[in-house]
PDB file of N, CA and C in Angstrom:
ATOM      1  N   UNK A   1     -13.439   1.213  -6.457  1.00  0.00           N
ATOM      2  CA  UNK A   1     -13.035   2.519  -6.962  1.00  0.00           C
ATOM      3  C   UNK A   1     -12.332   2.329  -8.294  1.00  0.00           C
ATOM      4  N   UNK A   2     -12.691   3.152  -9.238  1.00  0.00           N
ATOM      5  CA  UNK A   2     -12.092   3.075 -10.563  1.00  0.00           C
ATOM      6  C   UNK A   2     -10.937   4.070 -10.638  1.00  0.00           C
ATOM      7  N   UNK A   3      -9.789   3.560 -11.047  1.00  0.00           N
ATOM      8  CA  UNK A   3      -8.612   4.406 -11.221  1.00  0.00           C
ATOM      9  C   UNK A   3      -8.682   5.021 -12.619  1.00  0.00           C
ATOM     10  N   UNK A   4      -8.714   6.336 -12.667  1.00  0.00           N
ATOM     11  CA  UNK A   4      -8.815   7.016 -13.954  1.00  0.00           C
ATOM     12  C   UNK A   4      -7.458   7.078 -14.647  1.00  0.00           C
ATOM     13  N   UNK A   5      -7.515   7.216 -15.954  1.00  0.00           N
ATOM     14  CA  UNK A   5      -6.307   7.235 -16.766  1.00  0.00           C
ATOM     15  C   UNK A   5      -5.391   8.397 -16.387  1.00  0.00           C
ATOM     16  N   UNK A   6      -5.978   9.532 -15.982  1.00  0.00           N
ATOM     17  CA  UNK A   6      -5.180  10.704 -15.613  1.00  0.00           C
ATOM     18  C   UNK A   6      -4.296  10.406 -14.404  1.00  0.00           C
ATOM     19  N   UNK A   7      -4.804   9.612 -13.471  1.00  0.00           N
ATOM     20  CA  UNK A   7      -4.019   9.257 -12.287  1.00  0.00           C
ATOM     21  C   UNK A   7      -2.820   8.406 -12.688  1.00  0.00           C
ATOM     22  N   UNK A   8      -3.045   7.453 -13.570  1.00  0.00           N
ATOM     23  CA  UNK A   8      -1.949   6.593 -14.041  1.00  0.00           C
ATOM     24  C   UNK A   8      -0.917   7.427 -14.786  1.00  0.00           C
ATOM     25  N   UNK A   9      -1.367   8.347 -15.619  1.00  0.00           N
ATOM     26  CA  UNK A   9      -0.432   9.201 -16.360  1.00  0.00           C
ATOM     27  C   UNK A   9       0.371  10.089 -15.411  1.00  0.00           C
ATOM     28  N   UNK A  10      -0.279  10.596 -14.364  1.00  0.00           N
ATOM     29  CA  UNK A  10       0.433  11.428 -13.397  1.00  0.00           C
ATOM     30  C   UNK A  10       1.473  10.600 -12.644  1.00  0.00           C
ATOM     31  N   UNK A  11       1.085   9.392 -12.208  1.00  0.00           N
ATOM     32  CA  UNK A  11       2.039   8.510 -11.519  1.00  0.00           C
ATOM     33  C   UNK A  11       3.208   8.144 -12.437  1.00  0.00           C
ATOM     34  N   UNK A  12       2.891   7.899 -13.691  1.00  0.00           N
ATOM     35  CA  UNK A  12       3.930   7.568 -14.678  1.00  0.00           C
ATOM     36  C   UNK A  12       4.915   8.730 -14.817  1.00  0.00           C
ATOM     37  N   UNK A  13       4.387   9.949 -14.884  1.00  0.00           N
ATOM     38  CA  UNK A  13       5.247  11.126 -15.020  1.00  0.00           C
ATOM     39  C   UNK A  13       6.088  11.338 -13.763  1.00  0.00           C
ATOM     40  N   UNK A  14       5.461  11.202 -12.576  1.00  0.00           N
ATOM     41  CA  UNK A  14       6.198  11.402 -11.327  1.00  0.00           C
ATOM     42  C   UNK A  14       7.299  10.366 -11.135  1.00  0.00           C
ATOM     43  N   UNK A  15       7.047   9.141 -11.578  1.00  0.00           N
ATOM     44  CA  UNK A  15       8.036   8.071 -11.442  1.00  0.00           C
ATOM     45  C   UNK A  15       9.029   8.065 -12.605  1.00  0.00           C
ATOM     46  N   UNK A  16       8.831   8.990 -13.551  1.00  0.00           N
ATOM     47  CA  UNK A  16       9.696   9.091 -14.732  1.00  0.00           C
ATOM     48  C   UNK A  16       9.767   7.760 -15.484  1.00  0.00           C
ATOM     49  N   UNK A  17       8.567   7.209 -15.735  1.00  0.00           N
ATOM     50  CA  UNK A  17       8.444   5.957 -16.471  1.00  0.00           C
ATOM     51  C   UNK A  17       7.772   6.209 -17.807  1.00  0.00           C
ATOM     52  N   UNK A  18       7.989   5.291 -18.720  1.00  0.00           N
ATOM     53  CA  UNK A  18       7.263   5.286 -19.986  1.00  0.00           C
ATOM     54  C   UNK A  18       6.610   3.921 -20.112  1.00  0.00           C
ATOM     55  N   UNK A  19       5.296   3.914 -19.988  1.00  0.00           N
ATOM     56  CA  UNK A  19       4.559   2.661 -19.995  1.00  0.00           C
ATOM     57  C   UNK A  19       3.732   2.531 -21.268  1.00  0.00           C
ATOM     58  N   UNK A  20       3.521   1.296 -21.669  1.00  0.00           N
ATOM     59  CA  UNK A  20       2.630   1.037 -22.795  1.00  0.00           C
ATOM     60  C   UNK A  20       1.192   1.056 -22.282  1.00  0.00           C
ATOM     61  N   UNK A  21       0.234   1.070 -23.198  1.00  0.00           N
ATOM     62  CA  UNK A  21      -1.175   1.053 -22.791  1.00  0.00           C
ATOM     63  C   UNK A  21      -1.510  -0.216 -22.015  1.00  0.00           C
ATOM     64  N   UNK A  22      -0.910  -1.332 -22.401  1.00  0.00           N
ATOM     65  CA  UNK A  22      -1.158  -2.587 -21.687  1.00  0.00           C
ATOM     66  C   UNK A  22      -0.640  -2.502 -20.255  1.00  0.00           C
ATOM     67  N   UNK A  23       0.538  -1.907 -20.093  1.00  0.00           N
ATOM     68  CA  UNK A  23       1.106  -1.753 -18.752  1.00  0.00           C
ATOM     69  C   UNK A  23       0.276  -0.791 -17.908  1.00  0.00           C
ATOM     70  N   UNK A  24      -0.229   0.269 -18.531  1.00  0.00           N
ATOM     71  CA  UNK A  24      -1.072   1.222 -17.810  1.00  0.00           C
ATOM     72  C   UNK A  24      -2.349   0.551 -17.310  1.00  0.00           C
ATOM     73  N   UNK A  25      -2.972  -0.238 -18.164  1.00  0.00           N
ATOM     74  CA  UNK A  25      -4.212  -0.901 -17.749  1.00  0.00           C
ATOM     75  C   UNK A  25      -3.934  -1.950 -16.673  1.00  0.00           C
ATOM     76  N   UNK A  26      -2.782  -2.604 -16.752  1.00  0.00           N
ATOM     77  CA  UNK A  26      -2.415  -3.589 -15.730  1.00  0.00           C
ATOM     78  C   UNK A  26      -2.172  -2.903 -14.381  1.00  0.00           C
ATOM     79  N   UNK A  27      -1.493  -1.768 -14.402  1.00  0.00           N
ATOM     80  CA  UNK A  27      -1.233  -1.023 -13.170  1.00  0.00           C
ATOM     81  C   UNK A  27      -2.541  -0.484 -12.591  1.00  0.00           C
ATOM     82  N   UNK A  28      -3.432  -0.007 -13.441  1.00  0.00           N
ATOM     83  CA  UNK A  28      -4.727   0.481 -12.968  1.00  0.00           C
ATOM     84  C   UNK A  28      -5.498  -0.643 -12.281  1.00  0.00           C
ATOM     85  N   UNK A  29      -5.467  -1.823 -12.866  1.00  0.00           N
ATOM     86  CA  UNK A  29      -6.142  -2.979 -12.261  1.00  0.00           C
ATOM     87  C   UNK A  29      -5.506  -3.341 -10.921  1.00  0.00           C
ATOM     88  N   UNK A  30      -4.177  -3.325 -10.855  1.00  0.00           N
ATOM     89  CA  UNK A  30      -3.477  -3.624  -9.598  1.00  0.00           C
ATOM     90  C   UNK A  30      -3.839  -2.605  -8.515  1.00  0.00           C
ATOM     91  N   UNK A  31      -3.861  -1.324  -8.871  1.00  0.00           N
ATOM     92  CA  UNK A  31      -4.204  -0.287  -7.904  1.00  0.00           C
ATOM     93  C   UNK A  31      -5.649  -0.434  -7.421  1.00  0.00           C
ATOM     94  N   UNK A  32      -6.551  -0.798  -8.315  1.00  0.00           N
ATOM     95  CA  UNK A  32      -7.938  -1.030  -7.923  1.00  0.00           C
ATOM     96  C   UNK A  32      -8.039  -2.194  -6.945  1.00  0.00           C
ATOM     97  N   UNK A  33      -7.264  -3.245  -7.185  1.00  0.00           N
ATOM     98  CA  UNK A  33      -7.254  -4.395  -6.271  1.00  0.00           C
ATOM     99  C   UNK A  33      -6.693  -4.009  -4.902  1.00  0.00           C
ATOM    100  N   UNK A  34      -5.660  -3.189  -4.888  1.00  0.00           N
ATOM    101  CA  UNK A  34      -5.073  -2.732  -3.624  1.00  0.00           C
ATOM    102  C   UNK A  34      -6.080  -1.898  -2.847  1.00  0.00           C
ATOM    103  N   UNK A  35      -6.758  -0.978  -3.531  1.00  0.00           N
ATOM    104  CA  UNK A  35      -7.752  -0.144  -2.867  1.00  0.00           C
ATOM    105  C   UNK A  35      -8.931  -0.973  -2.359  1.00  0.00           C
ATOM    106  N   UNK A  36      -9.315  -1.992  -3.097  1.00  0.00           N
ATOM    107  CA  UNK A  36     -10.394  -2.872  -2.644  1.00  0.00           C
ATOM    108  C   UNK A  36      -9.974  -3.609  -1.377  1.00  0.00           C
ATOM    109  N   UNK A  37      -8.719  -4.040  -1.311  1.00  0.00           N
ATOM    110  CA  UNK A  37      -8.223  -4.726  -0.124  1.00  0.00           C
ATOM    111  C   UNK A  37      -8.206  -3.777   1.072  1.00  0.00           C
ATOM    112  N   UNK A  38      -7.779  -2.542   0.864  1.00  0.00           N
ATOM    113  CA  UNK A  38      -7.760  -1.564   1.950  1.00  0.00           C
ATOM    114  C   UNK A  38      -9.176  -1.276   2.424  1.00  0.00           C
ATOM    115  N   UNK A  39     -10.110  -1.151   1.501  1.00  0.00           N
ATOM    116  CA  UNK A  39     -11.501  -0.939   1.885  1.00  0.00           C
ATOM    117  C   UNK A  39     -12.042  -2.121   2.686  1.00  0.00           C
ATOM    118  N   UNK A  40     -11.633  -3.311   2.319  1.00  0.00           N
ATOM    119  CA  UNK A  40     -12.056  -4.507   3.064  1.00  0.00           C
ATOM    120  C   UNK A  40     -11.483  -4.478   4.479  1.00  0.00           C
ATOM    121  N   UNK A  41     -10.237  -4.037   4.630  1.00  0.00           N
ATOM    122  CA  UNK A  41      -9.618  -3.948   5.953  1.00  0.00           C
ATOM    123  C   UNK A  41     -10.318  -2.913   6.829  1.00  0.00           C
ATOM    124  N   UNK A  42     -10.849  -1.864   6.223  1.00  0.00           N
ATOM    125  CA  UNK A  42     -11.544  -0.836   6.995  1.00  0.00           C
ATOM    126  C   UNK A  42     -12.831  -1.371   7.623  1.00  0.00           C
ATOM    127  N   UNK A  43     -13.361  -2.490   7.118  1.00  0.00           N
ATOM    128  CA  UNK A  43     -14.575  -3.076   7.655  1.00  0.00           C
ATOM    129  C   UNK A  43     -14.328  -3.857   8.954  1.00  0.00           C
ATOM    130  N   UNK A  44     -13.084  -4.169   9.246  1.00  0.00           N
ATOM    131  CA  UNK A  44     -12.753  -4.977  10.417  1.00  0.00           C
ATOM    132  C   UNK A  44     -12.924  -4.143  11.681  1.00  0.00           C
ATOM    133  N   UNK A  45     -13.610  -4.735  12.677  1.00  0.00           N
ATOM    134  CA  UNK A  45     -13.815  -4.053  13.952  1.00  0.00           C
ATOM    135  C   UNK A  45     -12.566  -4.223  14.812  1.00  0.00           C
ATOM    136  N   UNK A  46     -11.894  -3.121  15.093  1.00  0.00           N
ATOM    137  CA  UNK A  46     -10.671  -3.157  15.899  1.00  0.00           C
ATOM    138  C   UNK A  46     -10.859  -2.409  17.222  1.00  0.00           C
ATOM    139  N   UNK A  47     -12.087  -2.390  17.711  1.00  0.00           N
ATOM    140  CA  UNK A  47     -12.406  -1.633  18.919  1.00  0.00           C
ATOM    141  C   UNK A  47     -11.596  -2.084  20.123  1.00  0.00           C
ATOM    142  N   UNK A  48     -11.504  -3.395  20.370  1.00  0.00           N
ATOM    143  CA  UNK A  48     -10.822  -3.918  21.558  1.00  0.00           C
ATOM    144  C   UNK A  48      -9.396  -4.357  21.292  1.00  0.00           C
ATOM    145  N   UNK A  49      -8.817  -3.955  20.194  1.00  0.00           N
ATOM    146  CA  UNK A  49      -7.461  -4.360  19.839  1.00  0.00           C
ATOM    147  C   UNK A  49      -6.495  -3.242  20.217  1.00  0.00           C
ATOM    148  N   UNK A  50      -5.491  -3.601  21.016  1.00  0.00           N
ATOM    149  CA  UNK A  50      -4.491  -2.609  21.394  1.00  0.00           C
ATOM    150  C   UNK A  50      -3.512  -2.391  20.242  1.00  0.00           C
ATOM    151  N   UNK A  51      -3.032  -1.175  20.081  1.00  0.00           N
ATOM    152  CA  UNK A  51      -2.055  -0.908  19.018  1.00  0.00           C
ATOM    153  C   UNK A  51      -0.761  -1.678  19.254  1.00  0.00           C
ATOM    154  N   UNK A  52      -0.181  -2.158  18.184  1.00  0.00           N
ATOM    155  CA  UNK A  52       1.073  -2.894  18.252  1.00  0.00           C
ATOM    156  C   UNK A  52       2.225  -1.910  18.106  1.00  0.00           C
ATOM    157  N   UNK A  53       3.067  -1.850  19.133  1.00  0.00           N
ATOM    158  CA  UNK A  53       4.207  -0.949  19.093  1.00  0.00           C
ATOM    159  C   UNK A  53       5.434  -1.697  18.582  1.00  0.00           C
ATOM    160  N   UNK A  54       5.698  -2.850  19.162  1.00  0.00           N
ATOM    161  CA  UNK A  54       6.839  -3.671  18.765  1.00  0.00           C
ATOM    162  C   UNK A  54       6.360  -5.085  18.469  1.00  0.00           C
ATOM    163  N   UNK A  55       6.941  -5.698  17.474  1.00  0.00           N
ATOM    164  CA  UNK A  55       6.564  -7.058  17.118  1.00  0.00           C
ATOM    165  C   UNK A  55       7.145  -8.045  18.123  1.00  0.00           C
ATOM    166  N   UNK A  56       8.371  -7.805  18.565  1.00  0.00           N
ATOM    167  CA  UNK A  56       9.055  -8.706  19.487  1.00  0.00           C
ATOM    168  C   UNK A  56       9.177  -8.057  20.861  1.00  0.00           C
ATOM    169  N   UNK A  57       9.225  -8.911  21.889  1.00  0.00           N
ATOM    170  CA  UNK A  57       9.450  -8.409  23.254  1.00  0.00           C
ATOM    171  C   UNK A  57      10.939  -8.331  23.575  1.00  0.00           C
ATOM    172  N   UNK A  58      11.766  -8.696  22.610  1.00  0.00           N
ATOM    173  CA  UNK A  58      13.193  -8.724  22.852  1.00  0.00           C
ATOM    174  C   UNK A  58      13.766  -7.314  23.010  1.00  0.00           C
ATOM    175  N   UNK A  59      14.772  -7.212  23.858  1.00  0.00           N
ATOM    176  CA  UNK A  59      15.470  -5.950  24.055  1.00  0.00           C
ATOM    177  C   UNK A  59      16.871  -6.126  23.492  1.00  0.00           C
ATOM    178  N   UNK A  60      17.440  -5.062  22.948  1.00  0.00           N
ATOM    179  CA  UNK A  60      18.801  -5.162  22.424  1.00  0.00           C
ATOM    180  C   UNK A  60      19.764  -5.581  23.525  1.00  0.00           C
ATOM    181  N   UNK A  61      20.562  -6.601  23.238  1.00  0.00           N
ATOM    182  CA  UNK A  61      21.590  -7.047  24.188  1.00  0.00           C
ATOM    183  C   UNK A  61      22.870  -6.316  23.840  1.00  0.00           C
ATOM    184  N   UNK A  62      23.104  -5.236  24.541  1.00  0.00           N
ATOM    185  CA  UNK A  62      24.275  -4.421  24.256  1.00  0.00           C
ATOM    186  C   UNK A  62      25.414  -4.771  25.189  1.00  0.00           C
ATOM    187  N   UNK A  63      26.620  -4.627  24.695  1.00  0.00           N
ATOM    188  CA  UNK A  63      27.802  -4.858  25.530  1.00  0.00           C
ATOM    189  C   UNK A  63      27.994  -3.694  26.497  1.00  0.00           C
ATOM    190  N   UNK A  64      28.709  -3.948  27.569  1.00  0.00           N
ATOM    191  CA  UNK A  64      28.952  -2.924  28.590  1.00  0.00           C
ATOM    192  C   UNK A  64      29.740  -1.764  28.013  1.00  0.00           C
ATOM    193  N   UNK A  65      30.698  -2.062  27.157  1.00  0.00           N
ATOM    194  CA  UNK A  65      31.568  -1.001  26.639  1.00  0.00           C
ATOM    195  C   UNK A  65      30.830  -0.299  25.501  1.00  0.00           C
TER     196      UNK A  65
END
């Protein structure tokens, strides 16, 4: 997916940043790489994978008081 210049300008305005053209093109490239990675993750078959609720099985050890 190609990130258009208007999207970068809108993000720049929303974040209240002032970027140079080099920085804009670098951010556009980074966003394209992120979207490519997300698209790659969408290809993974997760049919038999249960959702992860908690990373650890630990329970909070709270004091009686």
